[in-house]
């Protein structure tokens, strides 16, 4: 998937981006919790997953 598309997805739908990036893993669950605590923490975490290219 395009890197730019993943960045845009991380900004607008952080849990979806985290799921695409790492699948159903601890990082995905952390992202859901961070998104529920506030949109910005989930967004930052999702962007971190995309930029660091984490794979689970």
PDB file of N, CA and C in Angstrom:
ATOM      1  N   UNK A   1       0.848  -1.179   0.000  1.00  0.00           N
ATOM      2  CA  UNK A   1       0.000   0.000   0.000  1.00  0.00           C
ATOM      3  C   UNK A   1       0.892   1.240   0.000  1.00  0.00           C
ATOM      4  N   UNK A   2       0.433   2.297  -0.606  1.00  0.00           N
ATOM      5  CA  UNK A   2       1.206   3.517  -0.727  1.00  0.00           C
ATOM      6  C   UNK A   2       1.509   4.125   0.649  1.00  0.00           C
ATOM      7  N   UNK A   3       2.736   4.584   0.805  1.00  0.00           N
ATOM      8  CA  UNK A   3       3.155   5.194   2.066  1.00  0.00           C
ATOM      9  C   UNK A   3       2.330   6.447   2.366  1.00  0.00           C
ATOM     10  N   UNK A   4       2.061   7.244   1.358  1.00  0.00           N
ATOM     11  CA  UNK A   4       1.258   8.455   1.536  1.00  0.00           C
ATOM     12  C   UNK A   4      -0.164   8.109   1.970  1.00  0.00           C
ATOM     13  N   UNK A   5      -0.732   7.073   1.380  1.00  0.00           N
ATOM     14  CA  UNK A   5      -2.083   6.640   1.756  1.00  0.00           C
ATOM     15  C   UNK A   5      -2.118   6.207   3.216  1.00  0.00           C
ATOM     16  N   UNK A   6      -1.094   5.491   3.660  1.00  0.00           N
ATOM     17  CA  UNK A   6      -1.036   5.057   5.063  1.00  0.00           C
ATOM     18  C   UNK A   6      -0.926   6.253   6.006  1.00  0.00           C
ATOM     19  N   UNK A   7      -0.186   7.266   5.615  1.00  0.00           N
ATOM     20  CA  UNK A   7      -0.058   8.467   6.449  1.00  0.00           C
ATOM     21  C   UNK A   7      -1.400   9.178   6.558  1.00  0.00           C
ATOM     22  N   UNK A   8      -2.099   9.317   5.435  1.00  0.00           N
ATOM     23  CA  UNK A   8      -3.420   9.945   5.467  1.00  0.00           C
ATOM     24  C   UNK A   8      -4.401   9.122   6.297  1.00  0.00           C
ATOM     25  N   UNK A   9      -4.331   7.819   6.175  1.00  0.00           N
ATOM     26  CA  UNK A   9      -5.185   6.942   6.962  1.00  0.00           C
ATOM     27  C   UNK A   9      -4.863   7.062   8.455  1.00  0.00           C
ATOM     28  N   UNK A  10      -3.583   7.212   8.782  1.00  0.00           N
ATOM     29  CA  UNK A  10      -3.179   7.377  10.181  1.00  0.00           C
ATOM     30  C   UNK A  10      -3.741   8.658  10.772  1.00  0.00           C
ATOM     31  N   UNK A  11      -3.893   9.678   9.954  1.00  0.00           N
ATOM     32  CA  UNK A  11      -4.414  10.950  10.442  1.00  0.00           C
ATOM     33  C   UNK A  11      -5.924  10.875  10.653  1.00  0.00           C
ATOM     34  N   UNK A  12      -6.638  10.256   9.709  1.00  0.00           N
ATOM     35  CA  UNK A  12      -8.101  10.271   9.772  1.00  0.00           C
ATOM     36  C   UNK A  12      -8.720   9.035  10.444  1.00  0.00           C
ATOM     37  N   UNK A  13      -8.084   7.880  10.322  1.00  0.00           N
ATOM     38  CA  UNK A  13      -8.602   6.640  10.922  1.00  0.00           C
ATOM     39  C   UNK A  13      -7.442   5.847  11.534  1.00  0.00           C
ATOM     40  N   UNK A  14      -6.931   6.305  12.676  1.00  0.00           N
ATOM     41  CA  UNK A  14      -5.735   5.673  13.245  1.00  0.00           C
ATOM     42  C   UNK A  14      -5.857   4.164  13.499  1.00  0.00           C
ATOM     43  N   UNK A  15      -6.966   3.654  14.071  1.00  0.00           N
ATOM     44  CA  UNK A  15      -7.012   2.205  14.299  1.00  0.00           C
ATOM     45  C   UNK A  15      -6.994   1.384  13.011  1.00  0.00           C
ATOM     46  N   UNK A  16      -7.611   1.892  11.969  1.00  0.00           N
ATOM     47  CA  UNK A  16      -7.604   1.180  10.687  1.00  0.00           C
ATOM     48  C   UNK A  16      -6.178   1.119  10.141  1.00  0.00           C
ATOM     49  N   UNK A  17      -5.485   2.221  10.236  1.00  0.00           N
ATOM     50  CA  UNK A  17      -4.099   2.264   9.778  1.00  0.00           C
ATOM     51  C   UNK A  17      -3.230   1.301  10.602  1.00  0.00           C
ATOM     52  N   UNK A  18      -3.413   1.300  11.917  1.00  0.00           N
ATOM     53  CA  UNK A  18      -2.638   0.403  12.770  1.00  0.00           C
ATOM     54  C   UNK A  18      -2.919  -1.053  12.419  1.00  0.00           C
ATOM     55  N   UNK A  19      -4.181  -1.383  12.143  1.00  0.00           N
ATOM     56  CA  UNK A  19      -4.527  -2.750  11.781  1.00  0.00           C
ATOM     57  C   UNK A  19      -3.879  -3.144  10.457  1.00  0.00           C
ATOM     58  N   UNK A  20      -3.899  -2.240   9.478  1.00  0.00           N
ATOM     59  CA  UNK A  20      -3.276  -2.528   8.186  1.00  0.00           C
ATOM     60  C   UNK A  20      -1.769  -2.713   8.359  1.00  0.00           C
ATOM     61  N   UNK A  21      -1.179  -1.908   9.228  1.00  0.00           N
ATOM     62  CA  UNK A  21       0.276  -1.935   9.394  1.00  0.00           C
ATOM     63  C   UNK A  21       0.753  -3.158  10.178  1.00  0.00           C
ATOM     64  N   UNK A  22       0.099  -3.483  11.294  1.00  0.00           N
ATOM     65  CA  UNK A  22       0.619  -4.537  12.171  1.00  0.00           C
ATOM     66  C   UNK A  22      -0.336  -5.704  12.372  1.00  0.00           C
ATOM     67  N   UNK A  23      -1.540  -5.627  11.832  1.00  0.00           N
ATOM     68  CA  UNK A  23      -2.497  -6.710  12.035  1.00  0.00           C
ATOM     69  C   UNK A  23      -3.071  -6.673  13.443  1.00  0.00           C
ATOM     70  N   UNK A  24      -3.704  -7.762  13.841  1.00  0.00           N
ATOM     71  CA  UNK A  24      -4.299  -7.831  15.174  1.00  0.00           C
ATOM     72  C   UNK A  24      -3.199  -8.180  16.166  1.00  0.00           C
ATOM     73  N   UNK A  25      -2.594  -7.155  16.742  1.00  0.00           N
ATOM     74  CA  UNK A  25      -1.476  -7.347  17.662  1.00  0.00           C
ATOM     75  C   UNK A  25      -1.615  -6.378  18.830  1.00  0.00           C
ATOM     76  N   UNK A  26      -0.629  -6.395  19.686  1.00  0.00           N
ATOM     77  CA  UNK A  26      -0.631  -5.507  20.846  1.00  0.00           C
ATOM     78  C   UNK A  26      -0.629  -4.037  20.414  1.00  0.00           C
ATOM     79  N   UNK A  27       0.107  -3.714  19.369  1.00  0.00           N
ATOM     80  CA  UNK A  27       0.140  -2.329  18.893  1.00  0.00           C
ATOM     81  C   UNK A  27      -1.234  -1.876  18.407  1.00  0.00           C
ATOM     82  N   UNK A  28      -1.978  -2.765  17.792  1.00  0.00           N
ATOM     83  CA  UNK A  28      -3.329  -2.429  17.349  1.00  0.00           C
ATOM     84  C   UNK A  28      -4.220  -2.128  18.550  1.00  0.00           C
ATOM     85  N   UNK A  29      -4.152  -2.961  19.586  1.00  0.00           N
ATOM     86  CA  UNK A  29      -4.964  -2.739  20.787  1.00  0.00           C
ATOM     87  C   UNK A  29      -4.544  -1.460  21.507  1.00  0.00           C
ATOM     88  N   UNK A  30      -3.260  -1.193  21.568  1.00  0.00           N
ATOM     89  CA  UNK A  30      -2.769   0.047  22.170  1.00  0.00           C
ATOM     90  C   UNK A  30      -3.312   1.248  21.406  1.00  0.00           C
ATOM     91  N   UNK A  31      -3.338   1.145  20.083  1.00  0.00           N
ATOM     92  CA  UNK A  31      -3.828   2.250  19.277  1.00  0.00           C
ATOM     93  C   UNK A  31      -5.307   2.498  19.519  1.00  0.00           C
ATOM     94  N   UNK A  32      -6.086   1.456  19.689  1.00  0.00           N
ATOM     95  CA  UNK A  32      -7.508   1.634  19.984  1.00  0.00           C
ATOM     96  C   UNK A  32      -7.687   2.362  21.311  1.00  0.00           C
ATOM     97  N   UNK A  33      -6.936   1.958  22.325  1.00  0.00           N
ATOM     98  CA  UNK A  33      -7.031   2.607  23.639  1.00  0.00           C
ATOM     99  C   UNK A  33      -6.608   4.072  23.537  1.00  0.00           C
ATOM    100  N   UNK A  34      -5.508   4.336  22.843  1.00  0.00           N
ATOM    101  CA  UNK A  34      -5.044   5.717  22.700  1.00  0.00           C
ATOM    102  C   UNK A  34      -6.044   6.566  21.926  1.00  0.00           C
ATOM    103  N   UNK A  35      -6.672   5.994  20.921  1.00  0.00           N
ATOM    104  CA  UNK A  35      -7.670   6.732  20.150  1.00  0.00           C
ATOM    105  C   UNK A  35      -8.892   7.038  21.006  1.00  0.00           C
ATOM    106  N   UNK A  36      -9.284   6.100  21.854  1.00  0.00           N
ATOM    107  CA  UNK A  36     -10.421   6.336  22.739  1.00  0.00           C
ATOM    108  C   UNK A  36     -10.108   7.385  23.800  1.00  0.00           C
ATOM    109  N   UNK A  37      -8.844   7.485  24.205  1.00  0.00           N
ATOM    110  CA  UNK A  37      -8.443   8.496  25.187  1.00  0.00           C
ATOM    111  C   UNK A  37      -8.398   9.895  24.580  1.00  0.00           C
ATOM    112  N   UNK A  38      -8.314   9.949  23.296  1.00  0.00           N
ATOM    113  CA  UNK A  38      -8.261  11.222  22.574  1.00  0.00           C
ATOM    114  C   UNK A  38      -7.739  10.946  21.185  1.00  0.00           C
ATOM    115  N   UNK A  39      -8.208  11.672  20.223  1.00  0.00           N
ATOM    116  CA  UNK A  39      -7.812  11.404  18.846  1.00  0.00           C
ATOM    117  C   UNK A  39      -6.335  11.589  18.583  1.00  0.00           C
ATOM    118  N   UNK A  40      -5.739  12.608  19.194  1.00  0.00           N
ATOM    119  CA  UNK A  40      -4.341  12.921  18.915  1.00  0.00           C
ATOM    120  C   UNK A  40      -3.365  11.811  19.337  1.00  0.00           C
ATOM    121  N   UNK A  41      -3.494  11.224  20.532  1.00  0.00           N
ATOM    122  CA  UNK A  41      -2.551  10.146  20.883  1.00  0.00           C
ATOM    123  C   UNK A  41      -2.622   8.954  19.929  1.00  0.00           C
ATOM    124  N   UNK A  42      -3.817   8.589  19.514  1.00  0.00           N
ATOM    125  CA  UNK A  42      -3.965   7.490  18.563  1.00  0.00           C
ATOM    126  C   UNK A  42      -3.365   7.827  17.218  1.00  0.00           C
ATOM    127  N   UNK A  43      -3.519   9.080  16.808  1.00  0.00           N
ATOM    128  CA  UNK A  43      -2.967   9.526  15.541  1.00  0.00           C
ATOM    129  C   UNK A  43      -1.437   9.488  15.576  1.00  0.00           C
ATOM    130  N   UNK A  44      -0.860   9.977  16.649  1.00  0.00           N
ATOM    131  CA  UNK A  44       0.597   9.987  16.779  1.00  0.00           C
ATOM    132  C   UNK A  44       1.137   8.554  16.773  1.00  0.00           C
ATOM    133  N   UNK A  45       0.472   7.661  17.491  1.00  0.00           N
ATOM    134  CA  UNK A  45       0.900   6.266  17.539  1.00  0.00           C
ATOM    135  C   UNK A  45       0.818   5.623  16.155  1.00  0.00           C
ATOM    136  N   UNK A  46      -0.269   5.857  15.441  1.00  0.00           N
ATOM    137  CA  UNK A  46      -0.427   5.290  14.101  1.00  0.00           C
ATOM    138  C   UNK A  46       0.643   5.839  13.150  1.00  0.00           C
ATOM    139  N   UNK A  47       0.909   7.130  13.241  1.00  0.00           N
ATOM    140  CA  UNK A  47       1.967   7.708  12.404  1.00  0.00           C
ATOM    141  C   UNK A  47       3.321   7.100  12.746  1.00  0.00           C
ATOM    142  N   UNK A  48       3.572   6.871  14.009  1.00  0.00           N
ATOM    143  CA  UNK A  48       4.815   6.238  14.444  1.00  0.00           C
ATOM    144  C   UNK A  48       4.931   4.828  13.860  1.00  0.00           C
ATOM    145  N   UNK A  49       3.821   4.090  13.854  1.00  0.00           N
ATOM    146  CA  UNK A  49       3.853   2.744  13.280  1.00  0.00           C
ATOM    147  C   UNK A  49       4.180   2.781  11.794  1.00  0.00           C
ATOM    148  N   UNK A  50       3.621   3.744  11.081  1.00  0.00           N
ATOM    149  CA  UNK A  50       3.859   3.842   9.643  1.00  0.00           C
ATOM    150  C   UNK A  50       5.294   4.282   9.366  1.00  0.00           C
ATOM    151  N   UNK A  51       5.749   5.307  10.054  1.00  0.00           N
ATOM    152  CA  UNK A  51       7.085   5.855   9.782  1.00  0.00           C
ATOM    153  C   UNK A  51       8.171   4.869  10.186  1.00  0.00           C
ATOM    154  N   UNK A  52       7.985   4.167  11.299  1.00  0.00           N
ATOM    155  CA  UNK A  52       9.014   3.208  11.738  1.00  0.00           C
ATOM    156  C   UNK A  52       8.860   1.880  11.013  1.00  0.00           C
ATOM    157  N   UNK A  53       7.796   1.726  10.204  1.00  0.00           N
ATOM    158  CA  UNK A  53       7.526   0.524   9.407  1.00  0.00           C
ATOM    159  C   UNK A  53       7.519  -0.740  10.274  1.00  0.00           C
ATOM    160  N   UNK A  54       6.790  -0.671  11.379  1.00  0.00           N
ATOM    161  CA  UNK A  54       6.662  -1.823  12.267  1.00  0.00           C
ATOM    162  C   UNK A  54       5.809  -2.893  11.618  1.00  0.00           C
ATOM    163  N   UNK A  55       6.174  -4.130  11.813  1.00  0.00           N
ATOM    164  CA  UNK A  55       5.437  -5.267  11.247  1.00  0.00           C
ATOM    165  C   UNK A  55       5.084  -6.282  12.318  1.00  0.00           C
ATOM    166  N   UNK A  56       4.524  -5.798  13.421  1.00  0.00           N
ATOM    167  CA  UNK A  56       4.034  -6.731  14.440  1.00  0.00           C
ATOM    168  C   UNK A  56       4.950  -7.043  15.494  1.00  0.00           C
TER     169      UNK A  56
END
